[in-house]
Amino acid sequence: MFFKNAEKTYLAHLDTQGVFNNTTKTALPQTAFAETVRNHFKNLNGKTPKALLIGFDGARADAMHLLCESADEKVTGVLFNSAYSAVQTLKTQGGLYLSFAGGEPSAPQETSTAQGWAAILTGVWGGENGVLRHVPLKKEYPTVLRELAGQGKKAAFLAEWPDHFTVTYKDEIEIAKRENLPLIFQKYADDRALESAFLEKIAGDTDCIFGIFEAPDYNGHTTGFSLENPRYAACVCRLDNVAYRLMEAVKSRPTYEKEDWLVMITSDHGGHDRRHGTQKPFDRMTFIASNKPIGSK
């Protein structure tokens, strides 16, 4: 009974007015991420389409309450909307949406890293793309990055977790090499190195840049997935600032006025205690921040 009440309280907290553009009942499937990217690159408005796609691995949906002022903020100084917050900036430009991992209720899957990012990048759940377990992505379900590379767009997958390269996207890496696609997969030692890599790609000619920061997941597993854990809360706020710097780097490009940038931030799963993987809302509820509106489910 305690856990059921805690879950109801958590969902009610997510529905606090002023933070998200939708509610827990209208949360988007995380698969909407890939479709948003596809539609962006199909949009011909006279400008060159580009995308900056940022992953916060293991960031719970309620972490967005650390970044965006809610309607419940009644005391001056408790929380305000920072002009230097990536999430707040994206929310103002497009929207901040509740999303969910773990498959549809009729066909649940683990709320885990491999399954979450595979659904995000392919636009379909593990029952189709094959990543219901810790196994390679099916070759017939390419990530949106490989799709864009097949169209001649330069794409990059930047990450730290070794299994992205040795398991989930192993076959996709081989296909990209064999077909000489303009798609690179690069591994980095930590979030600091990954930030530098993002900046390098932003300054270059890559059309679609995707990367996953690990701090929330690492701190969740080692010290707890909870906003009451200062290490977990602090790392989400830090990454929000890192993402803002990346967005500012995009705006400083000399060709920026001739380009149409899609910028999105999302997470693969949440967490509870020091774990995730269940259908509990703490694990299941995620978020998508976007500088362009995303259609409701």
C-alpha atoms as a PDB file:
ATOM      1  CA  MET A   1       0.000   0.000   0.000  1.00  0.00           C
ATOM      2  CA  PHE A   2       2.889   2.361   0.809  1.00  0.00           C
ATOM      3  CA  PHE A   3       4.370   1.977  -2.686  1.00  0.00           C
ATOM      4  CA  LYS A   4       0.977   2.412  -4.386  1.00  0.00           C
ATOM      5  CA  ASN A   5       0.406   5.637  -2.450  1.00  0.00           C
ATOM      6  CA  ALA A   6       3.941   6.791  -3.288  1.00  0.00           C
ATOM      7  CA  GLU A   7       3.297   6.140  -6.978  1.00  0.00           C
ATOM      8  CA  LYS A   8       0.054   8.134  -6.912  1.00  0.00           C
ATOM      9  CA  THR A   9       1.815  10.983  -5.134  1.00  0.00           C
ATOM     10  CA  TYR A  10       4.608  10.945  -7.710  1.00  0.00           C
ATOM     11  CA  LEU A  11       2.187  11.096 -10.649  1.00  0.00           C
ATOM     12  CA  ALA A  12       0.230  13.902  -8.976  1.00  0.00           C
ATOM     13  CA  HIS A  13       3.497  15.797  -8.491  1.00  0.00           C
ATOM     14  CA  LEU A  14       4.319  15.454 -12.196  1.00  0.00           C
ATOM     15  CA  ASP A  15       0.908  16.905 -13.001  1.00  0.00           C
ATOM     16  CA  THR A  16       1.659  20.100 -11.067  1.00  0.00           C
ATOM     17  CA  GLN A  17       0.633  22.959 -13.354  1.00  0.00           C
ATOM     18  CA  GLY A  18       3.240  25.093 -15.023  1.00  0.00           C
ATOM     19  CA  VAL A  19       6.042  22.586 -15.633  1.00  0.00           C
ATOM     20  CA  PHE A  20       4.942  20.293 -18.461  1.00  0.00           C
ATOM     21  CA  ASN A  21       2.857  21.016 -21.559  1.00  0.00           C
ATOM     22  CA  ASN A  22       0.899  17.805 -21.075  1.00  0.00           C
ATOM     23  CA  THR A  23      -0.133  15.465 -18.259  1.00  0.00           C
ATOM     24  CA  THR A  24       0.701  11.964 -17.104  1.00  0.00           C
ATOM     25  CA  LYS A  25      -2.432  10.748 -18.874  1.00  0.00           C
ATOM     26  CA  THR A  26      -1.413  12.317 -22.183  1.00  0.00           C
ATOM     27  CA  ALA A  27       2.301  11.517 -21.896  1.00  0.00           C
ATOM     28  CA  LEU A  28       4.042  10.878 -25.216  1.00  0.00           C
ATOM     29  CA  PRO A  29       5.674   7.525 -25.939  1.00  0.00           C
ATOM     30  CA  GLN A  30       9.427   8.013 -26.099  1.00  0.00           C
ATOM     31  CA  THR A  31       9.197   6.692 -29.671  1.00  0.00           C
ATOM     32  CA  ALA A  32       7.828  10.136 -30.664  1.00  0.00           C
ATOM     33  CA  PHE A  33      11.398  11.420 -30.503  1.00  0.00           C
ATOM     34  CA  ALA A  34      12.536   9.680 -33.708  1.00  0.00           C
ATOM     35  CA  GLU A  35       9.434  10.727 -35.622  1.00  0.00           C
ATOM     36  CA  THR A  36      10.030  14.345 -34.643  1.00  0.00           C
ATOM     37  CA  VAL A  37      13.571  14.126 -36.035  1.00  0.00           C
ATOM     38  CA  ARG A  38      12.349  12.499 -39.271  1.00  0.00           C
ATOM     39  CA  ASN A  39       9.701  15.168 -39.790  1.00  0.00           C
ATOM     40  CA  HIS A  40      12.201  17.934 -39.158  1.00  0.00           C
ATOM     41  CA  PHE A  41      14.516  16.754 -41.920  1.00  0.00           C
ATOM     42  CA  LYS A  42      11.559  16.410 -44.298  1.00  0.00           C
ATOM     43  CA  ASN A  43      10.548  20.026 -43.728  1.00  0.00           C
ATOM     44  CA  LEU A  44      11.740  22.094 -46.681  1.00  0.00           C
ATOM     45  CA  ASN A  45      11.600  25.744 -45.637  1.00  0.00           C
ATOM     46  CA  GLY A  46      14.561  27.094 -47.579  1.00  0.00           C
ATOM     47  CA  LYS A  47      17.019  26.519 -44.734  1.00  0.00           C
ATOM     48  CA  THR A  48      19.412  23.637 -44.101  1.00  0.00           C
ATOM     49  CA  PRO A  49      17.955  21.242 -41.489  1.00  0.00           C
ATOM     50  CA  LYS A  50      20.224  20.401 -38.565  1.00  0.00           C
ATOM     51  CA  ALA A  51      19.672  18.672 -35.225  1.00  0.00           C
ATOM     52  CA  LEU A  52      21.254  18.730 -31.767  1.00  0.00           C
ATOM     53  CA  LEU A  53      19.905  15.772 -29.776  1.00  0.00           C
ATOM     54  CA  ILE A  54      20.980  15.428 -26.149  1.00  0.00           C
ATOM     55  CA  GLY A  55      20.399  12.477 -23.838  1.00  0.00           C
ATOM     56  CA  PHE A  56      20.395  12.623 -20.039  1.00  0.00           C
ATOM     57  CA  ASP A  57      20.680   8.924 -19.172  1.00  0.00           C
ATOM     58  CA  GLY A  58      18.568   8.035 -16.144  1.00  0.00           C
ATOM     59  CA  ALA A  59      17.056  11.503 -15.577  1.00  0.00           C
ATOM     60  CA  ARG A  60      13.654  11.174 -13.924  1.00  0.00           C
ATOM     61  CA  ALA A  61      10.737  13.266 -15.097  1.00  0.00           C
ATOM     62  CA  ASP A  62      10.434  15.015 -11.738  1.00  0.00           C
ATOM     63  CA  ALA A  63      13.963  16.370 -12.185  1.00  0.00           C
ATOM     64  CA  MET A  64      12.405  18.936 -14.517  1.00  0.00           C
ATOM     65  CA  HIS A  65      10.849  20.514 -11.403  1.00  0.00           C
ATOM     66  CA  LEU A  66      14.387  21.544 -10.494  1.00  0.00           C
ATOM     67  CA  LEU A  67      14.636  23.569 -13.693  1.00  0.00           C
ATOM     68  CA  CYS A  68      11.187  25.007 -14.401  1.00  0.00           C
ATOM     69  CA  GLU A  69       8.966  27.085 -12.156  1.00  0.00           C
ATOM     70  CA  SER A  70       5.602  25.545 -11.349  1.00  0.00           C
ATOM     71  CA  ALA A  71       2.298  27.190 -10.496  1.00  0.00           C
ATOM     72  CA  ASP A  72       2.900  26.142  -6.874  1.00  0.00           C
ATOM     73  CA  GLU A  73       5.896  28.469  -6.464  1.00  0.00           C
ATOM     74  CA  LYS A  74       4.548  31.101  -4.095  1.00  0.00           C
ATOM     75  CA  VAL A  75       7.654  32.255  -2.237  1.00  0.00           C
ATOM     76  CA  THR A  76      10.077  34.620  -3.971  1.00  0.00           C
ATOM     77  CA  GLY A  77      13.413  32.910  -4.391  1.00  0.00           C
ATOM     78  CA  VAL A  78      12.150  29.325  -4.102  1.00  0.00           C
ATOM     79  CA  LEU A  79      12.550  28.725  -7.832  1.00  0.00           C
ATOM     80  CA  PHE A  80      12.502  30.963 -10.881  1.00  0.00           C
ATOM     81  CA  ASN A  81      12.886  30.360 -14.589  1.00  0.00           C
ATOM     82  CA  SER A  82      16.575  30.753 -15.382  1.00  0.00           C
ATOM     83  CA  ALA A  83      17.599  32.471 -18.609  1.00  0.00           C
ATOM     84  CA  TYR A  84      20.582  30.089 -18.688  1.00  0.00           C
ATOM     85  CA  SER A  85      18.645  26.825 -18.524  1.00  0.00           C
ATOM     86  CA  ALA A  86      18.539  24.658 -21.642  1.00  0.00           C
ATOM     87  CA  VAL A  87      15.299  22.957 -20.630  1.00  0.00           C
ATOM     88  CA  GLN A  88      13.554  26.217 -19.735  1.00  0.00           C
ATOM     89  CA  THR A  89      14.702  27.784 -23.002  1.00  0.00           C
ATOM     90  CA  LEU A  90      13.409  24.847 -25.040  1.00  0.00           C
ATOM     91  CA  LYS A  91      10.150  24.848 -23.114  1.00  0.00           C
ATOM     92  CA  THR A  92       9.627  28.507 -24.015  1.00  0.00           C
ATOM     93  CA  GLN A  93      10.455  27.939 -27.679  1.00  0.00           C
ATOM     94  CA  GLY A  94       8.594  24.666 -28.238  1.00  0.00           C
ATOM     95  CA  GLY A  95       7.585  22.667 -25.214  1.00  0.00           C
ATOM     96  CA  LEU A  96       8.485  20.425 -22.284  1.00  0.00           C
ATOM     97  CA  TYR A  97       6.581  17.160 -22.475  1.00  0.00           C
ATOM     98  CA  LEU A  98       6.060  14.207 -20.206  1.00  0.00           C
ATOM     99  CA  SER A  99       6.944  10.994 -22.011  1.00  0.00           C
ATOM    100  CA  PHE A 100       7.147   7.361 -21.017  1.00  0.00           C
ATOM    101  CA  ALA A 101       9.537   4.457 -21.372  1.00  0.00           C
ATOM    102  CA  GLY A 102       8.746   0.793 -20.915  1.00  0.00           C
ATOM    103  CA  GLY A 103       6.454   0.145 -23.879  1.00  0.00           C
ATOM    104  CA  GLU A 104       2.698   0.425 -24.155  1.00  0.00           C
ATOM    105  CA  PRO A 105       0.692  -0.939 -21.193  1.00  0.00           C
ATOM    106  CA  SER A 106      -0.477  -3.844 -23.371  1.00  0.00           C
ATOM    107  CA  ALA A 107       3.117  -4.781 -24.287  1.00  0.00           C
ATOM    108  CA  PRO A 108       5.478  -3.679 -21.506  1.00  0.00           C
ATOM    109  CA  GLN A 109       9.261  -3.845 -21.756  1.00  0.00           C
ATOM    110  CA  GLU A 110      12.094  -3.119 -19.354  1.00  0.00           C
ATOM    111  CA  THR A 111      12.702   0.517 -18.498  1.00  0.00           C
ATOM    112  CA  SER A 112      16.425   0.102 -19.083  1.00  0.00           C
ATOM    113  CA  THR A 113      19.166   1.811 -21.051  1.00  0.00           C
ATOM    114  CA  ALA A 114      19.441  -0.337 -24.168  1.00  0.00           C
ATOM    115  CA  GLN A 115      15.677  -0.677 -24.561  1.00  0.00           C
ATOM    116  CA  GLY A 116      15.038   3.018 -23.940  1.00  0.00           C
ATOM    117  CA  TRP A 117      17.548   4.491 -26.357  1.00  0.00           C
ATOM    118  CA  ALA A 118      16.683   1.942 -29.049  1.00  0.00           C
ATOM    119  CA  ALA A 119      13.008   2.964 -28.855  1.00  0.00           C
ATOM    120  CA  ILE A 120      13.977   6.645 -28.882  1.00  0.00           C
ATOM    121  CA  LEU A 121      16.246   6.309 -31.915  1.00  0.00           C
ATOM    122  CA  THR A 122      14.143   3.933 -34.034  1.00  0.00           C
ATOM    123  CA  GLY A 123      10.668   5.191 -33.188  1.00  0.00           C
ATOM    124  CA  VAL A 124       9.349   1.712 -32.369  1.00  0.00           C
ATOM    125  CA  TRP A 125       9.315  -0.416 -29.227  1.00  0.00           C
ATOM    126  CA  GLY A 126      11.475  -3.457 -28.579  1.00  0.00           C
ATOM    127  CA  GLY A 127       8.810  -5.847 -29.800  1.00  0.00           C
ATOM    128  CA  GLU A 128       9.615  -4.530 -33.282  1.00  0.00           C
ATOM    129  CA  ASN A 129      13.232  -3.349 -33.144  1.00  0.00           C
ATOM    130  CA  GLY A 130      14.347  -6.447 -31.239  1.00  0.00           C
ATOM    131  CA  VAL A 131      15.843  -4.746 -28.199  1.00  0.00           C
ATOM    132  CA  LEU A 132      13.638  -6.318 -25.546  1.00  0.00           C
ATOM    133  CA  ARG A 133      16.774  -7.658 -23.891  1.00  0.00           C
ATOM    134  CA  HIS A 134      20.445  -6.742 -23.974  1.00  0.00           C
ATOM    135  CA  VAL A 135      20.861  -7.736 -27.625  1.00  0.00           C
ATOM    136  CA  PRO A 136      21.742  -6.013 -30.933  1.00  0.00           C
ATOM    137  CA  LEU A 137      19.212  -3.849 -32.719  1.00  0.00           C
ATOM    138  CA  LYS A 138      17.552  -5.620 -35.650  1.00  0.00           C
ATOM    139  CA  LYS A 139      19.192  -4.607 -38.921  1.00  0.00           C
ATOM    140  CA  GLU A 140      15.827  -3.926 -40.570  1.00  0.00           C
ATOM    141  CA  TYR A 141      15.036  -1.244 -37.954  1.00  0.00           C
ATOM    142  CA  PRO A 142      17.678   1.462 -38.469  1.00  0.00           C
ATOM    143  CA  THR A 143      18.116   4.342 -36.092  1.00  0.00           C
ATOM    144  CA  VAL A 144      17.046   7.722 -37.407  1.00  0.00           C
ATOM    145  CA  LEU A 145      20.780   8.493 -37.591  1.00  0.00           C
ATOM    146  CA  ARG A 146      21.367   5.697 -40.102  1.00  0.00           C
ATOM    147  CA  GLU A 147      18.296   6.755 -42.063  1.00  0.00           C
ATOM    148  CA  LEU A 148      19.655  10.288 -42.373  1.00  0.00           C
ATOM    149  CA  ALA A 149      23.110   8.992 -43.307  1.00  0.00           C
ATOM    150  CA  GLY A 150      21.474   6.957 -46.050  1.00  0.00           C
ATOM    151  CA  GLN A 151      20.103  10.236 -47.406  1.00  0.00           C
ATOM    152  CA  GLY A 152      23.585  11.753 -47.463  1.00  0.00           C
ATOM    153  CA  LYS A 153      23.298  13.644 -44.156  1.00  0.00           C
ATOM    154  CA  LYS A 154      26.286  13.514 -41.815  1.00  0.00           C
ATOM    155  CA  ALA A 155      25.315  12.018 -38.464  1.00  0.00           C
ATOM    156  CA  ALA A 156      27.130  11.272 -35.212  1.00  0.00           C
ATOM    157  CA  PHE A 157      26.407   8.978 -32.246  1.00  0.00           C
ATOM    158  CA  LEU A 158      28.444  10.052 -29.202  1.00  0.00           C
ATOM    159  CA  ALA A 159      28.321   8.087 -25.945  1.00  0.00           C
ATOM    160  CA  GLU A 160      30.240   6.647 -23.002  1.00  0.00           C
ATOM    161  CA  TRP A 161      28.630   3.289 -22.179  1.00  0.00           C
ATOM    162  CA  PRO A 162      30.684   0.560 -23.946  1.00  0.00           C
ATOM    163  CA  ASP A 163      27.652  -1.648 -24.607  1.00  0.00           C
ATOM    164  CA  HIS A 164      26.198   0.869 -27.038  1.00  0.00           C
ATOM    165  CA  PHE A 165      29.123   0.016 -29.303  1.00  0.00           C
ATOM    166  CA  THR A 166      29.699  -3.664 -28.537  1.00  0.00           C
ATOM    167  CA  VAL A 167      26.075  -4.827 -28.247  1.00  0.00           C
ATOM    168  CA  THR A 168      23.079  -2.632 -29.151  1.00  0.00           C
ATOM    169  CA  TYR A 169      24.469  -0.830 -32.213  1.00  0.00           C
ATOM    170  CA  LYS A 170      27.180  -3.317 -33.124  1.00  0.00           C
ATOM    171  CA  ASP A 171      25.489  -4.322 -36.380  1.00  0.00           C
ATOM    172  CA  GLU A 172      24.552  -0.742 -37.240  1.00  0.00           C
ATOM    173  CA  ILE A 173      28.206   0.272 -36.890  1.00  0.00           C
ATOM    174  CA  GLU A 174      29.215  -2.509 -39.273  1.00  0.00           C
ATOM    175  CA  ILE A 175      26.527  -1.535 -41.787  1.00  0.00           C
ATOM    176  CA  ALA A 176      27.673   2.102 -41.711  1.00  0.00           C
ATOM    177  CA  LYS A 177      31.252   1.017 -42.379  1.00  0.00           C
ATOM    178  CA  ARG A 178      30.318  -1.477 -45.088  1.00  0.00           C
ATOM    179  CA  GLU A 179      28.070   0.961 -46.935  1.00  0.00           C
ATOM    180  CA  ASN A 180      30.457   3.866 -46.373  1.00  0.00           C
ATOM    181  CA  LEU A 181      27.718   5.952 -44.775  1.00  0.00           C
ATOM    182  CA  PRO A 182      28.509   9.388 -43.308  1.00  0.00           C
ATOM    183  CA  LEU A 183      27.655   8.074 -39.826  1.00  0.00           C
ATOM    184  CA  ILE A 184      30.172   7.897 -36.997  1.00  0.00           C
ATOM    185  CA  PHE A 185      29.965   6.161 -33.614  1.00  0.00           C
ATOM    186  CA  GLN A 186      32.437   7.481 -31.068  1.00  0.00           C
ATOM    187  CA  LYS A 187      33.025   6.494 -27.439  1.00  0.00           C
ATOM    188  CA  TYR A 188      34.239   8.905 -24.748  1.00  0.00           C
ATOM    189  CA  ALA A 189      35.609   8.468 -21.240  1.00  0.00           C
ATOM    190  CA  ASP A 190      33.257  10.778 -19.345  1.00  0.00           C
ATOM    191  CA  ASP A 191      30.757  13.631 -19.557  1.00  0.00           C
ATOM    192  CA  ARG A 192      33.492  16.244 -19.777  1.00  0.00           C
ATOM    193  CA  ALA A 193      35.047  14.589 -22.821  1.00  0.00           C
ATOM    194  CA  LEU A 194      31.596  14.172 -24.330  1.00  0.00           C
ATOM    195  CA  GLU A 195      30.849  17.881 -23.956  1.00  0.00           C
ATOM    196  CA  SER A 196      34.062  18.689 -25.838  1.00  0.00           C
ATOM    197  CA  ALA A 197      33.065  16.250 -28.581  1.00  0.00           C
ATOM    198  CA  PHE A 198      29.649  17.889 -28.895  1.00  0.00           C
ATOM    199  CA  LEU A 199      31.296  21.290 -29.280  1.00  0.00           C
ATOM    200  CA  GLU A 200      33.642  19.928 -31.936  1.00  0.00           C
ATOM    201  CA  LYS A 201      30.772  18.466 -33.937  1.00  0.00           C
ATOM    202  CA  ILE A 202      28.689  21.639 -33.571  1.00  0.00           C
ATOM    203  CA  ALA A 203      31.556  23.695 -34.967  1.00  0.00           C
ATOM    204  CA  GLY A 204      31.948  21.284 -37.895  1.00  0.00           C
ATOM    205  CA  ASP A 205      29.639  20.105 -40.668  1.00  0.00           C
ATOM    206  CA  THR A 206      27.701  17.307 -38.941  1.00  0.00           C
ATOM    207  CA  ASP A 207      23.977  17.549 -39.727  1.00  0.00           C
ATOM    208  CA  CYS A 208      22.567  15.452 -36.870  1.00  0.00           C
ATOM    209  CA  ILE A 209      24.451  15.209 -33.567  1.00  0.00           C
ATOM    210  CA  PHE A 210      23.218  12.756 -30.930  1.00  0.00           C
ATOM    211  CA  GLY A 211      24.935  12.089 -27.629  1.00  0.00           C
ATOM    212  CA  ILE A 212      24.216  10.612 -24.189  1.00  0.00           C
ATOM    213  CA  PHE A 213      25.506  12.055 -20.908  1.00  0.00           C
ATOM    214  CA  GLU A 214      25.770   9.462 -18.115  1.00  0.00           C
ATOM    215  CA  ALA A 215      25.862  11.484 -14.877  1.00  0.00           C
ATOM    216  CA  PRO A 216      22.220  10.987 -13.742  1.00  0.00           C
ATOM    217  CA  ASP A 217      22.316   7.224 -14.269  1.00  0.00           C
ATOM    218  CA  TYR A 218      25.722   6.873 -12.627  1.00  0.00           C
ATOM    219  CA  ASN A 219      24.727   8.890  -9.578  1.00  0.00           C
ATOM    220  CA  GLY A 220      21.381   7.128  -9.386  1.00  0.00           C
ATOM    221  CA  HIS A 221      22.950   3.689  -9.275  1.00  0.00           C
ATOM    222  CA  THR A 222      25.653   4.689  -6.805  1.00  0.00           C
ATOM    223  CA  THR A 223      23.759   7.033  -4.472  1.00  0.00           C
ATOM    224  CA  GLY A 224      20.055   6.865  -5.378  1.00  0.00           C
ATOM    225  CA  PHE A 225      17.530   8.027  -7.995  1.00  0.00           C
ATOM    226  CA  SER A 226      15.879  10.783  -5.971  1.00  0.00           C
ATOM    227  CA  LEU A 227      15.692  14.558  -5.912  1.00  0.00           C
ATOM    228  CA  GLU A 228      16.388  14.232  -2.183  1.00  0.00           C
ATOM    229  CA  ASN A 229      19.833  12.941  -3.141  1.00  0.00           C
ATOM    230  CA  PRO A 230      21.978  16.068  -3.660  1.00  0.00           C
ATOM    231  CA  ARG A 231      24.404  14.302  -6.014  1.00  0.00           C
ATOM    232  CA  TYR A 232      21.575  13.178  -8.295  1.00  0.00           C
ATOM    233  CA  ALA A 233      19.810  16.562  -8.244  1.00  0.00           C
ATOM    234  CA  ALA A 234      23.039  18.477  -8.805  1.00  0.00           C
ATOM    235  CA  CYS A 235      24.125  16.440 -11.819  1.00  0.00           C
ATOM    236  CA  VAL A 236      20.823  17.068 -13.621  1.00  0.00           C
ATOM    237  CA  CYS A 237      21.170  20.806 -13.009  1.00  0.00           C
ATOM    238  CA  ARG A 238      24.780  20.706 -14.195  1.00  0.00           C
ATOM    239  CA  LEU A 239      23.857  18.905 -17.413  1.00  0.00           C
ATOM    240  CA  ASP A 240      21.079  21.430 -17.996  1.00  0.00           C
ATOM    241  CA  ASN A 241      23.762  24.117 -17.986  1.00  0.00           C
ATOM    242  CA  VAL A 242      26.051  22.042 -20.222  1.00  0.00           C
ATOM    243  CA  ALA A 243      23.201  21.672 -22.710  1.00  0.00           C
ATOM    244  CA  TYR A 244      22.644  25.432 -22.613  1.00  0.00           C
ATOM    245  CA  ARG A 245      26.290  25.990 -23.554  1.00  0.00           C
ATOM    246  CA  LEU A 246      25.879  23.577 -26.455  1.00  0.00           C
ATOM    247  CA  MET A 247      22.815  25.485 -27.628  1.00  0.00           C
ATOM    248  CA  GLU A 248      24.734  28.748 -27.452  1.00  0.00           C
ATOM    249  CA  ALA A 249      27.497  27.159 -29.545  1.00  0.00           C
ATOM    250  CA  VAL A 250      24.892  26.304 -32.191  1.00  0.00           C
ATOM    251  CA  LYS A 251      23.739  29.948 -32.276  1.00  0.00           C
ATOM    252  CA  SER A 252      27.326  31.130 -32.722  1.00  0.00           C
ATOM    253  CA  ARG A 253      27.804  29.223 -35.966  1.00  0.00           C
ATOM    254  CA  PRO A 254      28.558  31.652 -38.837  1.00  0.00           C
ATOM    255  CA  THR A 255      25.944  29.860 -40.964  1.00  0.00           C
ATOM    256  CA  TYR A 256      23.278  29.756 -38.240  1.00  0.00           C
ATOM    257  CA  GLU A 257      20.875  32.154 -39.964  1.00  0.00           C
ATOM    258  CA  LYS A 258      20.777  29.852 -42.988  1.00  0.00           C
ATOM    259  CA  GLU A 259      20.087  26.764 -40.882  1.00  0.00           C
ATOM    260  CA  ASP A 260      17.001  25.331 -39.184  1.00  0.00           C
ATOM    261  CA  TRP A 261      18.040  23.587 -35.955  1.00  0.00           C
ATOM    262  CA  LEU A 262      15.931  21.083 -34.071  1.00  0.00           C
ATOM    263  CA  VAL A 263      17.139  20.839 -30.468  1.00  0.00           C
ATOM    264  CA  MET A 264      15.801  18.170 -28.124  1.00  0.00           C
ATOM    265  CA  ILE A 265      16.741  16.779 -24.718  1.00  0.00           C
ATOM    266  CA  THR A 266      15.338  13.516 -23.378  1.00  0.00           C
ATOM    267  CA  SER A 267      15.992  10.596 -21.026  1.00  0.00           C
ATOM    268  CA  ASP A 268      15.807   6.844 -21.579  1.00  0.00           C
ATOM    269  CA  HIS A 269      14.286   5.936 -18.202  1.00  0.00           C
ATOM    270  CA  GLY A 270      13.905   7.166 -14.638  1.00  0.00           C
ATOM    271  CA  GLY A 271      14.695   5.196 -11.522  1.00  0.00           C
ATOM    272  CA  HIS A 272      13.940   4.446  -7.882  1.00  0.00           C
ATOM    273  CA  ASP A 273      16.204   3.549  -4.972  1.00  0.00           C
ATOM    274  CA  ARG A 274      19.378   2.575  -6.874  1.00  0.00           C
ATOM    275  CA  ARG A 275      17.773   0.779  -9.769  1.00  0.00           C
ATOM    276  CA  HIS A 276      15.300   0.922 -12.672  1.00  0.00           C
ATOM    277  CA  GLY A 277      13.738  -1.507 -15.119  1.00  0.00           C
ATOM    278  CA  THR A 278      10.255  -1.854 -13.627  1.00  0.00           C
ATOM    279  CA  GLN A 279       6.888  -0.455 -14.668  1.00  0.00           C
ATOM    280  CA  LYS A 280       6.787   1.811 -11.615  1.00  0.00           C
ATOM    281  CA  PRO A 281       6.131   5.435 -12.635  1.00  0.00           C
ATOM    282  CA  PHE A 282       9.471   6.490 -11.090  1.00  0.00           C
ATOM    283  CA  ASP A 283      11.173   4.321 -13.740  1.00  0.00           C
ATOM    284  CA  ARG A 284       8.641   4.742 -16.519  1.00  0.00           C
ATOM    285  CA  MET A 285       8.057   8.508 -16.662  1.00  0.00           C
ATOM    286  CA  THR A 286      10.561  10.486 -18.738  1.00  0.00           C
ATOM    287  CA  PHE A 287      10.557  13.820 -20.564  1.00  0.00           C
ATOM    288  CA  ILE A 288      11.238  15.468 -23.912  1.00  0.00           C
ATOM    289  CA  ALA A 289      12.229  19.137 -24.128  1.00  0.00           C
ATOM    290  CA  SER A 290      12.090  20.519 -27.660  1.00  0.00           C
ATOM    291  CA  ASN A 291      12.527  23.884 -29.368  1.00  0.00           C
ATOM    292  CA  LYS A 292       9.716  22.866 -31.723  1.00  0.00           C
ATOM    293  CA  PRO A 293       6.240  21.707 -30.650  1.00  0.00           C
ATOM    294  CA  ILE A 294       5.597  17.971 -30.581  1.00  0.00           C
ATOM    295  CA  GLY A 295       2.136  16.591 -31.356  1.00  0.00           C
ATOM    296  CA  SER A 296       0.185  15.039 -28.492  1.00  0.00           C
ATOM    297  CA  LYS A 297      -0.391  11.318 -28.282  1.00  0.00           C
END
